[in-house]
Amino acid sequence: MYHVSFPGLGIEWEINRVAFSIGSFNVYWYGILIAIGLLLGVLYAYYNTDHYGVDKNKLFDCVIVGIITSIIGARLYYVIFRWGEYYSTHPAEIIDIRDGGIAIYGAIIGALAGGLTMAKIKKQKFLPLLDVTMVAFLIGQAIGRWGNFFNQEAFGTETDTLFRMVSENTGGVGVHPCFLYESVWCALGVLFLHIFNRKFQKYHGQIFFLYFIWYGAERVVVEGLRTDSLYLPFQIAGYDIRVSQLLSLALVITGIVLLIVFRKRDDGMREKRLNKE
């Protein structure tokens, strides 16, 4: 049980990480919120396949495999970068994700590896699938981040800003609620990319590239505030490097480069949409 407050907003709660128990087995809010985020992301993808040029039947095959590999990837990513620090001496805890310990970039890598492999088998074009998947990812990220709130983790350094959060886990001082920053940014990203798809998208893959920039830019900033970052096992130029910050910067640069390279591409998506309307 945690007493959590946002003094600048005049809000406070008593929260419990455990949603309910079945005998001695606890079910945590963390897992429930991730599951809800996954479900809503899948529903968005399903009901918007026509707008993105994705086959509904093939989508489900890719989603099922992608969900499984995303969970595996999310946990492996986290365990690998905390192996020497923790899991090498606690191997029995590697498969226990109810209490947290998954990484969003691992989930993305895993989902893409599994989903695109199935897309290849089912002969579903990659780029339309990637476009709708990125919006679905943002939905899952926006909701799943609240699992960090219930676990009272993934917060940042001390601050006295309006949105500061205080709890037992923060040592009784105000800290940056990084989960909140990311959740709001991802929700805005869903709105932006959804409207962009409806009104402005010119070619398949454009949403995918924009996701790189949208999410990567936020993560570069917010990751720099966090106190629980995963670091590279070696230094670069004498500095400890945050893994997610480095990867996020790479995504932003990649997204910008790809948008420039394909700036003249046009699959006729806007014209097809106007004809349907």
Protein backbone atom coordinates (compact mmCIF):
# COMPACT_ATOMS: atom_id res chain seq x y z
CA MET A 1 0.00 0.00 0.00
CA TYR A 2 1.29 3.45 -0.92
CA HIS A 3 0.13 6.93 -0.04
CA VAL A 4 0.72 8.93 -3.22
CA SER A 5 0.19 12.66 -3.59
CA PHE A 6 0.64 15.39 -6.18
CA PRO A 7 0.97 18.42 -3.86
CA GLY A 8 1.04 20.96 -6.66
CA LEU A 9 -2.32 19.67 -7.93
CA GLY A 10 -3.87 19.03 -4.51
CA ILE A 11 -4.44 15.33 -5.32
CA GLU A 12 -3.66 12.28 -3.20
CA TRP A 13 -4.51 8.58 -3.20
CA GLU A 14 -4.03 5.41 -1.25
CA ILE A 15 -3.06 2.78 -3.82
CA ASN A 16 -2.33 -0.93 -3.68
CA ARG A 17 -0.22 -2.75 -6.24
CA VAL A 18 -2.41 -5.82 -5.82
CA ALA A 19 -5.73 -5.64 -7.68
CA PHE A 20 -7.08 -8.89 -6.21
CA SER A 21 -5.93 -12.27 -4.97
CA ILE A 22 -6.88 -15.82 -5.82
CA GLY A 23 -5.87 -17.78 -2.77
CA SER A 24 -2.21 -16.93 -2.24
CA PHE A 25 -1.76 -15.78 -5.85
CA ASN A 26 -1.74 -12.00 -6.26
CA VAL A 27 -2.86 -10.30 -9.45
CA TYR A 28 -1.21 -6.91 -9.84
CA TRP A 29 -2.54 -3.74 -11.45
CA TYR A 30 0.66 -3.64 -13.50
CA GLY A 31 -0.30 -6.76 -15.44
CA ILE A 32 -3.96 -5.79 -15.71
CA LEU A 33 -3.18 -2.38 -17.21
CA ILE A 34 -0.73 -3.83 -19.71
CA ALA A 35 -3.39 -6.36 -20.74
CA ILE A 36 -5.99 -3.59 -21.15
CA GLY A 37 -3.54 -1.55 -23.23
CA LEU A 38 -2.85 -4.55 -25.46
CA LEU A 39 -6.55 -5.24 -25.92
CA LEU A 40 -7.42 -1.65 -26.83
CA GLY A 41 -4.47 -1.48 -29.21
CA VAL A 42 -5.61 -4.64 -30.97
CA LEU A 43 -9.19 -3.35 -31.19
CA TYR A 44 -7.98 -0.10 -32.72
CA ALA A 45 -5.94 -2.01 -35.29
CA TYR A 46 -8.86 -4.31 -36.12
CA TYR A 47 -11.43 -1.56 -36.64
CA ASN A 48 -9.07 0.59 -38.71
CA THR A 49 -7.57 -1.99 -41.06
CA ASP A 50 -9.30 -0.52 -44.13
CA HIS A 51 -7.75 2.89 -43.55
CA TYR A 52 -4.27 1.42 -43.28
CA GLY A 53 -4.56 -1.18 -46.05
CA VAL A 54 -4.27 -4.25 -43.82
CA ASP A 55 -6.10 -7.57 -44.22
CA LYS A 56 -8.21 -8.22 -41.09
CA ASN A 57 -7.72 -11.98 -41.15
CA LYS A 58 -3.97 -11.74 -41.58
CA LEU A 59 -3.81 -9.06 -38.88
CA PHE A 60 -4.95 -11.44 -36.13
CA ASP A 61 -2.35 -14.04 -37.03
CA CYS A 62 0.36 -11.37 -36.82
CA VAL A 63 -1.05 -9.95 -33.58
CA ILE A 64 -1.20 -13.28 -31.76
CA VAL A 65 2.41 -14.09 -32.58
CA GLY A 66 3.49 -10.49 -31.98
CA ILE A 67 1.97 -10.38 -28.48
CA ILE A 68 3.75 -13.55 -27.45
CA THR A 69 7.12 -12.41 -28.78
CA SER A 70 6.64 -8.89 -27.37
CA ILE A 71 6.27 -10.26 -23.83
CA ILE A 72 9.35 -12.44 -24.30
CA GLY A 73 11.30 -9.56 -25.82
CA ALA A 74 10.28 -7.08 -23.12
CA ARG A 75 11.45 -9.36 -20.34
CA LEU A 76 14.64 -10.49 -22.07
CA TYR A 77 15.66 -6.90 -22.80
CA TYR A 78 15.24 -5.97 -19.12
CA VAL A 79 16.95 -9.09 -17.79
CA ILE A 80 19.92 -8.79 -20.17
CA PHE A 81 20.74 -5.25 -19.04
CA ARG A 82 20.31 -6.16 -15.36
CA TRP A 83 21.91 -9.58 -15.54
CA GLY A 84 25.12 -8.87 -13.68
CA GLU A 85 23.42 -6.46 -11.31
CA TYR A 86 20.60 -8.75 -10.21
CA TYR A 87 19.35 -11.70 -12.26
CA SER A 88 22.60 -13.64 -12.34
CA THR A 89 22.03 -14.28 -8.63
CA HIS A 90 18.20 -14.45 -8.83
CA PRO A 91 17.53 -16.64 -11.90
CA ALA A 92 14.25 -17.96 -10.48
CA GLU A 93 12.75 -14.47 -10.83
CA ILE A 94 13.45 -14.13 -14.54
CA ILE A 95 9.99 -15.29 -15.60
CA ASP A 96 8.07 -13.39 -12.89
CA ILE A 97 6.78 -10.18 -14.51
CA ARG A 98 3.81 -9.55 -12.21
CA ASP A 99 5.86 -7.09 -10.15
CA GLY A 100 7.26 -5.17 -13.12
CA GLY A 101 10.59 -5.46 -14.88
CA ILE A 102 9.79 -5.27 -18.56
CA ALA A 103 11.19 -2.83 -21.12
CA ILE A 104 9.08 -1.17 -23.80
CA TYR A 105 11.86 -1.27 -26.39
CA GLY A 106 12.24 -4.98 -25.81
CA ALA A 107 8.48 -5.34 -26.33
CA ILE A 108 8.64 -3.37 -29.59
CA ILE A 109 11.59 -5.36 -30.90
CA GLY A 110 9.94 -8.64 -29.94
CA ALA A 111 6.57 -7.70 -31.40
CA LEU A 112 8.10 -6.60 -34.69
CA ALA A 113 10.24 -9.74 -34.95
CA GLY A 114 7.30 -12.06 -34.37
CA GLY A 115 4.62 -10.04 -36.15
CA LEU A 116 6.66 -9.40 -39.29
CA THR A 117 7.74 -13.01 -39.47
CA MET A 118 4.07 -14.03 -39.49
CA ALA A 119 3.31 -11.26 -42.00
CA LYS A 120 5.94 -12.75 -44.30
CA ILE A 121 4.35 -16.19 -43.97
CA LYS A 122 0.85 -14.79 -44.56
CA LYS A 123 2.02 -12.51 -47.41
CA GLN A 124 0.79 -9.36 -45.69
CA LYS A 125 2.68 -6.25 -46.82
CA PHE A 126 4.97 -4.97 -44.08
CA LEU A 127 4.54 -1.20 -44.26
CA PRO A 128 0.74 -1.00 -43.89
CA LEU A 129 0.98 -3.43 -40.97
CA LEU A 130 3.72 -1.35 -39.35
CA ASP A 131 1.66 1.83 -39.70
CA VAL A 132 -1.37 0.53 -37.83
CA THR A 133 0.82 -1.32 -35.33
CA MET A 134 2.61 1.88 -34.29
CA VAL A 135 -0.66 3.58 -33.36
CA ALA A 136 -1.72 0.45 -31.47
CA PHE A 137 1.63 0.50 -29.64
CA LEU A 138 1.03 4.07 -28.49
CA ILE A 139 -2.38 3.11 -27.12
CA GLY A 140 -0.80 0.26 -25.17
CA GLN A 141 2.01 2.51 -23.93
CA ALA A 142 -0.35 5.28 -22.82
CA ILE A 143 -2.37 2.87 -20.66
CA GLY A 144 0.38 0.46 -19.64
CA ARG A 145 2.50 3.26 -18.14
CA TRP A 146 -0.05 3.57 -15.34
CA GLY A 147 1.15 0.18 -14.17
CA ASN A 148 4.33 2.03 -13.16
CA PHE A 149 2.16 4.36 -11.07
CA PHE A 150 0.67 1.48 -9.09
CA ASN A 151 4.12 -0.02 -8.64
CA GLN A 152 5.52 3.42 -7.77
CA GLU A 153 8.44 3.04 -10.15
CA ALA A 154 9.81 4.66 -13.30
CA PHE A 155 9.83 8.09 -11.67
CA GLY A 156 12.50 10.73 -12.02
CA THR A 157 14.79 12.98 -10.07
CA GLU A 158 13.74 15.38 -7.34
CA THR A 159 11.73 18.42 -8.48
CA ASP A 160 9.44 21.15 -7.17
CA THR A 161 7.40 21.51 -10.36
CA LEU A 162 3.59 21.61 -10.42
CA PHE A 163 3.31 17.91 -11.36
CA ARG A 164 5.72 16.57 -8.71
CA MET A 165 4.78 13.26 -7.09
CA VAL A 166 5.45 12.20 -3.51
CA SER A 167 5.19 8.73 -1.96
CA GLU A 168 7.03 6.32 0.32
CA ASN A 169 9.03 5.08 -2.69
CA THR A 170 10.24 8.59 -3.53
CA GLY A 171 11.60 9.05 -0.02
CA GLY A 172 8.92 11.59 0.80
CA VAL A 173 10.25 14.15 -1.68
CA GLY A 174 8.70 15.44 -4.90
CA VAL A 175 9.92 13.72 -8.06
CA HIS A 176 9.15 13.84 -11.77
CA PRO A 177 6.25 11.43 -12.52
CA CYS A 178 7.89 10.13 -15.70
CA PHE A 179 5.14 7.55 -16.21
CA LEU A 180 2.63 10.42 -16.44
CA TYR A 181 4.70 12.41 -18.91
CA GLU A 182 5.04 9.40 -21.20
CA SER A 183 1.40 8.36 -20.87
CA VAL A 184 0.14 11.81 -21.87
CA TRP A 185 2.64 12.08 -24.74
CA CYS A 186 1.65 8.67 -26.09
CA ALA A 187 -2.06 9.53 -25.87
CA LEU A 188 -1.42 12.73 -27.84
CA GLY A 189 0.56 10.63 -30.31
CA VAL A 190 -2.45 8.37 -30.88
CA LEU A 191 -4.59 11.42 -31.69
CA PHE A 192 -1.94 12.95 -33.94
CA LEU A 193 -1.16 9.81 -35.94
CA HIS A 194 -4.85 8.86 -36.25
CA ILE A 195 -5.69 12.27 -37.72
CA PHE A 196 -2.59 12.19 -39.91
CA ASN A 197 -3.66 8.83 -41.33
CA ARG A 198 -7.14 10.13 -42.12
CA LYS A 199 -6.17 13.49 -43.58
CA PHE A 200 -2.54 13.65 -44.66
CA GLN A 201 -0.89 10.25 -45.12
CA LYS A 202 0.56 9.91 -48.62
CA TYR A 203 2.24 6.52 -48.52
CA HIS A 204 2.49 3.32 -46.50
CA GLY A 205 5.24 3.52 -43.91
CA GLN A 206 4.81 7.23 -43.21
CA ILE A 207 3.09 6.60 -39.84
CA PHE A 208 5.84 4.15 -38.95
CA PHE A 209 8.52 6.78 -39.56
CA LEU A 210 6.57 9.42 -37.62
CA TYR A 211 6.28 7.07 -34.66
CA PHE A 212 10.07 6.88 -34.52
CA ILE A 213 10.28 10.65 -34.20
CA TRP A 214 7.27 11.16 -31.91
CA TYR A 215 8.10 8.51 -29.34
CA GLY A 216 11.86 8.75 -29.67
CA ALA A 217 11.94 12.52 -29.01
CA GLU A 218 9.90 12.15 -25.82
CA ARG A 219 11.93 9.24 -24.54
CA VAL A 220 15.25 11.05 -25.07
CA VAL A 221 14.06 13.77 -22.71
CA VAL A 222 12.11 11.75 -20.14
CA GLU A 223 14.69 8.96 -19.91
CA GLY A 224 17.21 11.60 -18.86
CA LEU A 225 15.02 12.37 -15.82
CA ARG A 226 14.62 8.78 -14.62
CA THR A 227 16.55 7.27 -11.74
CA ASP A 228 16.08 3.62 -12.77
CA SER A 229 17.48 3.61 -16.31
CA LEU A 230 19.19 0.62 -17.84
CA TYR A 231 22.77 1.41 -18.85
CA LEU A 232 25.19 0.00 -21.40
CA PRO A 233 27.64 -2.40 -19.73
CA PHE A 234 30.51 -0.20 -20.93
CA GLN A 235 31.25 3.50 -21.08
CA ILE A 236 31.50 5.67 -24.18
CA ALA A 237 34.04 8.50 -24.01
CA GLY A 238 34.13 8.03 -20.24
CA TYR A 239 30.36 8.37 -19.78
CA ASP A 240 27.73 5.90 -18.64
CA ILE A 241 25.14 5.73 -21.41
CA ARG A 242 21.44 5.06 -20.86
CA VAL A 243 20.36 2.35 -23.29
CA SER A 244 16.90 3.72 -23.99
CA GLN A 245 18.16 7.27 -24.44
CA LEU A 246 20.72 6.16 -27.02
CA LEU A 247 18.18 4.00 -28.85
CA SER A 248 15.60 6.80 -28.79
CA LEU A 249 18.03 9.25 -30.33
CA ALA A 250 18.79 6.70 -33.04
CA LEU A 251 15.04 6.34 -33.73
CA VAL A 252 14.56 10.10 -34.08
CA ILE A 253 17.45 10.41 -36.52
CA THR A 254 16.30 7.35 -38.47
CA GLY A 255 12.73 8.64 -38.70
CA ILE A 256 13.83 12.05 -39.96
CA VAL A 257 16.18 10.54 -42.54
CA LEU A 258 13.50 8.15 -43.84
CA LEU A 259 10.92 10.93 -44.14
CA ILE A 260 13.40 12.98 -46.15
CA VAL A 261 14.38 10.04 -48.37
CA PHE A 262 10.74 9.18 -49.14
CA ARG A 263 9.40 12.76 -49.20
CA LYS A 264 8.35 12.48 -52.85
CA ARG A 265 6.72 9.08 -52.49
CA ASP A 266 2.96 8.93 -52.98
CA ASP A 267 0.90 5.71 -52.97
CA GLY A 268 -2.27 7.61 -53.81
CA MET A 269 -3.67 7.04 -50.32
CA ARG A 270 -5.31 10.45 -50.08
CA GLU A 271 -7.00 10.10 -53.45
CA LYS A 272 -8.33 6.64 -52.59
CA ARG A 273 -9.67 7.97 -49.30
CA LEU A 274 -11.41 10.89 -50.98
CA ASN A 275 -13.00 8.54 -53.52
CA LYS A 276 -14.41 6.38 -50.71
CA GLU A 277 -15.83 9.45 -49.02
